[in-house]
C-alpha atoms as a PDB file:
ATOM      1  CA  MET A   1       3.133   5.061  10.217  1.00  0.00           C
ATOM      2  CA  GLN A   2       3.900   6.678   6.939  1.00  0.00           C
ATOM      3  CA  GLU A   3       6.104   4.467   4.795  1.00  0.00           C
ATOM      4  CA  SER A   4       9.076   6.580   4.388  1.00  0.00           C
ATOM      5  CA  PRO A   5      10.921   6.879   0.880  1.00  0.00           C
ATOM      6  CA  ASP A   6      13.302   3.499   1.039  1.00  0.00           C
ATOM      7  CA  GLU A   7      10.619   0.940   1.984  1.00  0.00           C
ATOM      8  CA  LEU A   8       7.669   2.846  -0.669  1.00  0.00           C
ATOM      9  CA  LEU A   9      10.514   3.281  -3.708  1.00  0.00           C
ATOM     10  CA  PHE A  10      13.118   0.225  -3.648  1.00  0.00           C
ATOM     11  CA  PRO A  11      10.801  -2.571  -3.152  1.00  0.00           C
ATOM     12  CA  LEU A  12       9.332  -1.177  -7.014  1.00  0.00           C
ATOM     13  CA  LEU A  13      12.545  -1.470  -7.965  1.00  0.00           C
ATOM     14  CA  LYS A  14      13.015  -4.844  -6.681  1.00  0.00           C
ATOM     15  CA  ASN A  15       9.749  -6.344  -8.286  1.00  0.00           C
ATOM     16  CA  ARG A  16      11.275  -4.849 -11.737  1.00  0.00           C
ATOM     17  CA  GLY A  17      14.967  -6.488 -11.150  1.00  0.00           C
ATOM     18  CA  ILE A  18      16.407  -3.670  -9.992  1.00  0.00           C
ATOM     19  CA  ALA A  19      18.709  -3.236  -7.285  1.00  0.00           C
ATOM     20  CA  SER A  20      17.425  -6.338  -5.259  1.00  0.00           C
ATOM     21  CA  LEU A  21      19.757  -5.239  -2.613  1.00  0.00           C
ATOM     22  CA  TRP A  22      18.489  -1.917  -1.907  1.00  0.00           C
ATOM     23  CA  ALA A  23      15.259  -2.541  -1.249  1.00  0.00           C
ATOM     24  CA  GLU A  24      16.835  -5.666   1.299  1.00  0.00           C
ATOM     25  CA  ARG A  25      18.699  -3.260   3.077  1.00  0.00           C
ATOM     26  CA  SER A  26      17.347  -1.270   6.337  1.00  0.00           C
ATOM     27  CA  ASN A  27      19.426   1.494   5.543  1.00  0.00           C
ATOM     28  CA  PRO A  28      20.777   1.297   2.252  1.00  0.00           C
ATOM     29  CA  ARG A  29      21.776   4.750   1.418  1.00  0.00           C
ATOM     30  CA  THR A  30      23.824   5.523   5.463  1.00  0.00           C
ATOM     31  CA  ASP A  31      25.336   1.741   3.666  1.00  0.00           C
ATOM     32  CA  LEU A  32      26.844   2.958   0.324  1.00  0.00           C
ATOM     33  CA  ASP A  33      28.067   6.062   2.649  1.00  0.00           C
ATOM     34  CA  SER A  34      30.230   3.756   4.363  1.00  0.00           C
ATOM     35  CA  GLU A  35      31.255   2.108   1.091  1.00  0.00           C
ATOM     36  CA  CYS A  36      31.999   5.268   0.033  1.00  0.00           C
ATOM     37  CA  ARG A  37      33.832   6.485   3.665  1.00  0.00           C
ATOM     38  CA  THR A  38      35.477   3.399   3.401  1.00  0.00           C
ATOM     39  CA  LEU A  39      37.026   4.350   0.369  1.00  0.00           C
ATOM     40  CA  ALA A  40      38.031   7.596   0.586  1.00  0.00           C
ATOM     41  CA  GLU A  41      39.653   6.295   3.142  1.00  0.00           C
ATOM     42  CA  ASP A  42      42.596   4.419   1.300  1.00  0.00           C
ATOM     43  CA  SER A  43      45.138   6.494   0.275  1.00  0.00           C
ATOM     44  CA  GLU A  44      46.331   4.401  -3.264  1.00  0.00           C
ATOM     45  CA  PHE A  45      42.690   4.437  -4.031  1.00  0.00           C
ATOM     46  CA  THR A  46      42.230   8.146  -3.398  1.00  0.00           C
ATOM     47  CA  LYS A  47      45.745   9.327  -5.152  1.00  0.00           C
ATOM     48  CA  SER A  48      44.417   7.078  -8.499  1.00  0.00           C
ATOM     49  CA  LEU A  49      41.079   8.597  -8.007  1.00  0.00           C
ATOM     50  CA  ALA A  50      42.152  11.999  -7.484  1.00  0.00           C
ATOM     51  CA  SER A  51      44.430  11.531 -11.223  1.00  0.00           C
ATOM     52  CA  TYR A  52      41.909  10.571 -13.206  1.00  0.00           C
ATOM     53  CA  LEU A  53      39.641  13.408 -11.689  1.00  0.00           C
ATOM     54  CA  ALA A  54      42.612  16.186 -12.901  1.00  0.00           C
ATOM     55  CA  ASP A  55      41.856  14.404 -15.646  1.00  0.00           C
ATOM     56  CA  ASN A  56      38.415  14.505 -16.106  1.00  0.00           C
ATOM     57  CA  PRO A  57      37.291  17.595 -14.183  1.00  0.00           C
ATOM     58  CA  VAL A  58      33.857  16.753 -15.483  1.00  0.00           C
ATOM     59  CA  VAL A  59      33.676  15.020 -12.909  1.00  0.00           C
ATOM     60  CA  VAL A  60      33.416  16.424  -9.736  1.00  0.00           C
ATOM     61  CA  GLN A  61      31.654  19.966 -11.857  1.00  0.00           C
ATOM     62  CA  SER A  62      29.055  17.739 -12.565  1.00  0.00           C
ATOM     63  CA  LEU A  63      28.239  15.867  -9.962  1.00  0.00           C
ATOM     64  CA  ASP A  64      27.924  19.368  -7.945  1.00  0.00           C
ATOM     65  CA  ASN A  65      25.764  20.819 -10.672  1.00  0.00           C
ATOM     66  CA  VAL A  66      22.739  18.382  -9.882  1.00  0.00           C
ATOM     67  CA  LEU A  67      23.565  18.821  -5.642  1.00  0.00           C
ATOM     68  CA  ALA A  68      22.700  22.075  -6.206  1.00  0.00           C
ATOM     69  CA  GLN A  69      19.540  20.934  -8.759  1.00  0.00           C
ATOM     70  CA  LEU A  70      18.151  19.101  -6.632  1.00  0.00           C
ATOM     71  CA  ALA A  71      18.705  21.264  -3.643  1.00  0.00           C
ATOM     72  CA  PHE A  72      17.260  24.381  -5.497  1.00  0.00           C
ATOM     73  CA  SER A  73      13.917  22.037  -6.566  1.00  0.00           C
ATOM     74  CA  ALA A  74      13.712  20.763  -2.173  1.00  0.00           C
ATOM     75  CA  GLY A  75      12.599  23.973  -2.749  1.00  0.00           C
ATOM     76  CA  ILE A  76       9.959  24.707  -4.247  1.00  0.00           C
ATOM     77  CA  HIS A  77       6.867  22.415  -4.976  1.00  0.00           C
ATOM     78  CA  TRP A  78       4.171  21.708  -7.481  1.00  0.00           C
ATOM     79  CA  ARG A  79       0.483  22.567  -5.144  1.00  0.00           C
ATOM     80  CA  GLN A  80       2.450  26.444  -4.490  1.00  0.00           C
ATOM     81  CA  ALA A  81       1.843  26.484  -8.282  1.00  0.00           C
ATOM     82  CA  SER A  82      -1.900  28.551  -8.799  1.00  0.00           C
ATOM     83  CA  GLU A  83      -4.533  25.824  -9.691  1.00  0.00           C
ATOM     84  CA  ILE A  84      -4.979  26.181 -12.861  1.00  0.00           C
ATOM     85  CA  LEU A  85      -1.250  25.081 -13.189  1.00  0.00           C
ATOM     86  CA  ARG A  86      -0.932  22.696 -11.478  1.00  0.00           C
ATOM     87  CA  PRO A  87      -1.272  19.718 -14.143  1.00  0.00           C
ATOM     88  CA  LEU A  88       1.646  21.029 -15.885  1.00  0.00           C
ATOM     89  CA  ALA A  89       3.424  22.323 -12.386  1.00  0.00           C
ATOM     90  CA  ARG A  90       2.817  18.851 -11.042  1.00  0.00           C
ATOM     91  CA  GLN A  91       4.499  17.000 -14.489  1.00  0.00           C
ATOM     92  CA  GLY A  92       7.144  19.727 -14.941  1.00  0.00           C
ATOM     93  CA  TRP A  93       8.587  19.870 -10.639  1.00  0.00           C
ATOM     94  CA  HIS A  94       8.882  15.328 -11.598  1.00  0.00           C
ATOM     95  CA  LEU A  95      10.702  16.258 -15.389  1.00  0.00           C
ATOM     96  CA  SER A  96      12.967  19.076 -13.216  1.00  0.00           C
ATOM     97  CA  ARG A  97      13.521  16.482 -10.715  1.00  0.00           C
ATOM     98  CA  TRP A  98      14.814  13.094 -12.898  1.00  0.00           C
ATOM     99  CA  LEU A  99      16.162  14.651 -16.241  1.00  0.00           C
ATOM    100  CA  PRO A 100      19.869  15.779 -15.003  1.00  0.00           C
ATOM    101  CA  THR A 101      19.467  12.533 -12.400  1.00  0.00           C
ATOM    102  CA  PHE A 102      18.968  10.392 -15.316  1.00  0.00           C
ATOM    103  CA  LEU A 103      21.478  12.285 -17.591  1.00  0.00           C
ATOM    104  CA  LEU A 104      24.490  12.233 -15.372  1.00  0.00           C
ATOM    105  CA  ILE A 105      24.420   8.851 -15.207  1.00  0.00           C
ATOM    106  CA  ASP A 106      24.391   8.609 -18.860  1.00  0.00           C
ATOM    107  CA  GLY A 107      27.703  11.158 -18.625  1.00  0.00           C
ATOM    108  CA  PRO A 108      30.520  11.414 -15.907  1.00  0.00           C
ATOM    109  CA  LEU A 109      28.922   9.143 -12.857  1.00  0.00           C
ATOM    110  CA  GLY A 110      27.983   6.416 -15.586  1.00  0.00           C
ATOM    111  CA  ARG A 111      31.984   6.724 -16.863  1.00  0.00           C
ATOM    112  CA  LEU A 112      33.121   7.036 -12.997  1.00  0.00           C
ATOM    113  CA  LEU A 113      31.491   3.498 -12.276  1.00  0.00           C
ATOM    114  CA  ARG A 114      32.330   2.084 -15.956  1.00  0.00           C
ATOM    115  CA  ASN A 115      35.341   2.924 -17.860  1.00  0.00           C
ATOM    116  CA  LYS A 116      38.105   0.560 -17.280  1.00  0.00           C
ATOM    117  CA  GLN A 117      40.399   3.840 -16.794  1.00  0.00           C
ATOM    118  CA  SER A 118      38.055   4.613 -14.086  1.00  0.00           C
ATOM    119  CA  PRO A 119      39.474   3.607 -10.681  1.00  0.00           C
ATOM    120  CA  LEU A 120      36.696   3.035  -9.617  1.00  0.00           C
ATOM    121  CA  ALA A 121      35.124   1.510 -11.708  1.00  0.00           C
ATOM    122  CA  ALA A 122      38.179  -1.047 -11.711  1.00  0.00           C
ATOM    123  CA  ARG A 123      37.399  -1.342  -7.617  1.00  0.00           C
ATOM    124  CA  LEU A 124      33.748  -2.591  -8.527  1.00  0.00           C
ATOM    125  CA  ARG A 125      34.828  -5.289 -10.808  1.00  0.00           C
ATOM    126  CA  LEU A 126      38.031  -6.837  -9.002  1.00  0.00           C
ATOM    127  CA  ASP A 127      37.281  -6.518  -5.666  1.00  0.00           C
ATOM    128  CA  HIS A 128      32.655  -5.614  -5.741  1.00  0.00           C
ATOM    129  CA  ALA A 129      31.542  -7.670  -2.502  1.00  0.00           C
ATOM    130  CA  ALA A 130      32.949  -5.541  -0.332  1.00  0.00           C
ATOM    131  CA  LEU A 131      31.464  -2.699  -2.236  1.00  0.00           C
ATOM    132  CA  PRO A 132      28.012  -5.007  -2.223  1.00  0.00           C
ATOM    133  CA  LEU A 133      25.914  -1.665  -2.882  1.00  0.00           C
ATOM    134  CA  LEU A 134      28.556   0.531  -4.797  1.00  0.00           C
ATOM    135  CA  ALA A 135      28.609  -3.001  -7.378  1.00  0.00           C
ATOM    136  CA  ASN A 136      24.567  -3.024  -7.379  1.00  0.00           C
ATOM    137  CA  SER A 137      23.939   0.103  -7.899  1.00  0.00           C
ATOM    138  CA  ARG A 138      26.459   0.400 -11.630  1.00  0.00           C
ATOM    139  CA  ASP A 139      24.623  -3.097 -12.297  1.00  0.00           C
ATOM    140  CA  ALA A 140      20.784  -1.272 -11.713  1.00  0.00           C
ATOM    141  CA  PHE A 141      22.584   1.610 -13.732  1.00  0.00           C
ATOM    142  CA  ASN A 142      23.224  -1.158 -17.105  1.00  0.00           C
ATOM    143  CA  HIS A 143      19.325  -2.757 -16.945  1.00  0.00           C
ATOM    144  CA  ASP A 144      17.948  -2.597 -20.017  1.00  0.00           C
ATOM    145  CA  LEU A 145      14.899  -1.019 -18.048  1.00  0.00           C
ATOM    146  CA  PHE A 146      16.502   2.094 -16.605  1.00  0.00           C
ATOM    147  CA  ARG A 147      18.959   2.260 -20.037  1.00  0.00           C
ATOM    148  CA  ARG A 148      15.485   2.451 -21.872  1.00  0.00           C
ATOM    149  CA  VAL A 149      13.929   5.344 -19.737  1.00  0.00           C
ATOM    150  CA  ARG A 150      17.363   7.267 -19.487  1.00  0.00           C
ATOM    151  CA  ASN A 151      17.179   7.155 -23.181  1.00  0.00           C
ATOM    152  CA  GLY A 152      13.860   7.706 -23.404  1.00  0.00           C
ATOM    153  CA  PHE A 153      14.408  11.314 -21.127  1.00  0.00           C
ATOM    154  CA  ALA A 154      17.866  11.826 -22.439  1.00  0.00           C
ATOM    155  CA  HIS A 155      15.728  13.273 -25.991  1.00  0.00           C
ATOM    156  CA  TRP A 156      12.229  14.155 -24.496  1.00  0.00           C
ATOM    157  CA  SER A 157      11.029  10.699 -26.051  1.00  0.00           C
ATOM    158  CA  PHE A 158       8.198   9.942 -24.017  1.00  0.00           C
ATOM    159  CA  THR A 159       4.505  10.277 -23.196  1.00  0.00           C
ATOM    160  CA  TRP A 160       3.264  11.274 -20.064  1.00  0.00           C
ATOM    161  CA  HIS A 161      -0.973  10.002 -19.107  1.00  0.00           C
ATOM    162  CA  ASP A 162      -2.604  11.040 -15.375  1.00  0.00           C
ATOM    163  CA  ASN A 163      -4.881   8.814 -15.276  1.00  0.00           C
ATOM    164  CA  ALA A 164      -7.666   8.330 -12.919  1.00  0.00           C
ATOM    165  CA  SER A 165      -5.955   6.967 -10.484  1.00  0.00           C
ATOM    166  CA  SER A 166      -2.915   7.034 -11.314  1.00  0.00           C
ATOM    167  CA  THR A 167      -0.335   8.649 -14.126  1.00  0.00           C
ATOM    168  CA  ASP A 168       2.437   6.384 -16.369  1.00  0.00           C
ATOM    169  CA  ILE A 169       5.019   7.064 -18.414  1.00  0.00           C
ATOM    170  CA  VAL A 170       5.777   5.553 -22.001  1.00  0.00           C
ATOM    171  CA  ILE A 171       8.649   5.652 -23.512  1.00  0.00           C
ATOM    172  CA  ILE A 172       9.104   5.519 -26.729  1.00  0.00           C
ATOM    173  CA  ASN A 173      12.368   4.686 -29.047  1.00  0.00           C
ATOM    174  CA  ASN A 174      14.239   7.870 -30.338  1.00  0.00           C
ATOM    175  CA  ASP A 175      14.787   5.250 -33.968  1.00  0.00           C
ATOM    176  CA  THR A 176      12.246   3.651 -33.964  1.00  0.00           C
ATOM    177  CA  GLY A 177       9.158   5.129 -33.290  1.00  0.00           C
ATOM    178  CA  ARG A 178       7.955   2.658 -31.138  1.00  0.00           C
ATOM    179  CA  GLN A 179       6.745   2.005 -27.647  1.00  0.00           C
ATOM    180  CA  ASP A 180      10.123   0.368 -25.219  1.00  0.00           C
ATOM    181  CA  ALA A 181       8.454   0.847 -22.271  1.00  0.00           C
ATOM    182  CA  SER A 182       5.667   1.566 -19.608  1.00  0.00           C
ATOM    183  CA  VAL A 183       6.320   2.767 -15.968  1.00  0.00           C
ATOM    184  CA  SER A 184       4.725   4.467 -13.608  1.00  0.00           C
ATOM    185  CA  LEU A 185       4.902   7.184 -11.703  1.00  0.00           C
ATOM    186  CA  LEU A 186       6.520   5.787  -8.896  1.00  0.00           C
ATOM    187  CA  GLU A 187       8.089   3.527 -10.976  1.00  0.00           C
ATOM    188  CA  CYS A 188       9.940   6.739 -12.447  1.00  0.00           C
ATOM    189  CA  GLU A 189      10.648   8.117  -8.849  1.00  0.00           C
ATOM    190  CA  ALA A 190      12.656   5.463  -7.477  1.00  0.00           C
ATOM    191  CA  LEU A 191      14.365   5.756 -11.267  1.00  0.00           C
ATOM    192  CA  HIS A 192      15.090   8.573 -10.092  1.00  0.00           C
ATOM    193  CA  TYR A 193      15.507   8.074  -5.941  1.00  0.00           C
ATOM    194  CA  LEU A 194      18.476   5.097  -5.994  1.00  0.00           C
ATOM    195  CA  ALA A 195      20.175   7.423  -8.875  1.00  0.00           C
ATOM    196  CA  ALA A 196      20.498  10.909  -6.969  1.00  0.00           C
ATOM    197  CA  SER A 197      21.149   8.292  -3.527  1.00  0.00           C
ATOM    198  CA  VAL A 198      23.839   7.235  -5.356  1.00  0.00           C
ATOM    199  CA  ILE A 199      24.559  11.138  -7.178  1.00  0.00           C
ATOM    200  CA  HIS A 200      24.897  12.202  -3.182  1.00  0.00           C
ATOM    201  CA  SER A 201      26.779   9.675  -1.021  1.00  0.00           C
ATOM    202  CA  ILE A 202      29.879   9.575  -3.840  1.00  0.00           C
ATOM    203  CA  GLY A 203      29.584  13.053  -4.537  1.00  0.00           C
ATOM    204  CA  GLU A 204      29.381  14.064  -0.768  1.00  0.00           C
ATOM    205  CA  THR A 205      30.881  10.788   1.156  1.00  0.00           C
ATOM    206  CA  LEU A 206      33.726  10.599  -1.883  1.00  0.00           C
ATOM    207  CA  LEU A 207      34.489  13.089  -3.970  1.00  0.00           C
ATOM    208  CA  ARG A 208      34.330  16.335  -2.382  1.00  0.00           C
ATOM    209  CA  ARG A 209      34.900  15.834   1.637  1.00  0.00           C
ATOM    210  CA  HIS A 210      38.718  14.386   0.798  1.00  0.00           C
ATOM    211  CA  PRO A 211      41.275  16.180   1.298  1.00  0.00           C
ATOM    212  CA  GLN A 212      43.335  14.191  -1.078  1.00  0.00           C
ATOM    213  CA  LEU A 213      40.901  14.966  -3.745  1.00  0.00           C
ATOM    214  CA  ASP A 214      39.956  18.361  -3.254  1.00  0.00           C
ATOM    215  CA  SER A 215      43.070  19.929  -4.404  1.00  0.00           C
END
């Protein structure tokens, strides 16, 4: 039986010390949706969240933009390119999916999870045990390896190496020009998959479907 993306990708992150709870859950994305629904049903929390989003409208707009981009990229594949263009198309297909997710974590979504003014960040600080996957995701996005990879893509500061049996992405420090990290194609895909899962759950389950947040 073929492994699901959850079974294949999240253990790679656990091996790197990132988002270990995601690898230990049988249905982590479903569990994350459940945590977001719990927050969406808390009237006091949604009132404070609505106020925060009114002051920071770019949060919802940016999540909508990335969700639209991910939906578009799901309809195309590098294998559809002509044979001579496939190596370049393969690289471009991955980059077009990874870049928006990493940049969103560095921007509005990261602030929603970390900033003192954010009611979600405040809830995670006070009651992280009740929201374990959200808290684990916040910690994953603060992990040194994730930050190095995110910064490398944010500055287009990386090199792509297709080897005989694998593909590796080497992250270059934008300030020093030295190597910051090396990740396999699957590890980079796992980082993207984690970020995209969090974006989808927060965007679809918490921010877009609660009537108090739609006005």
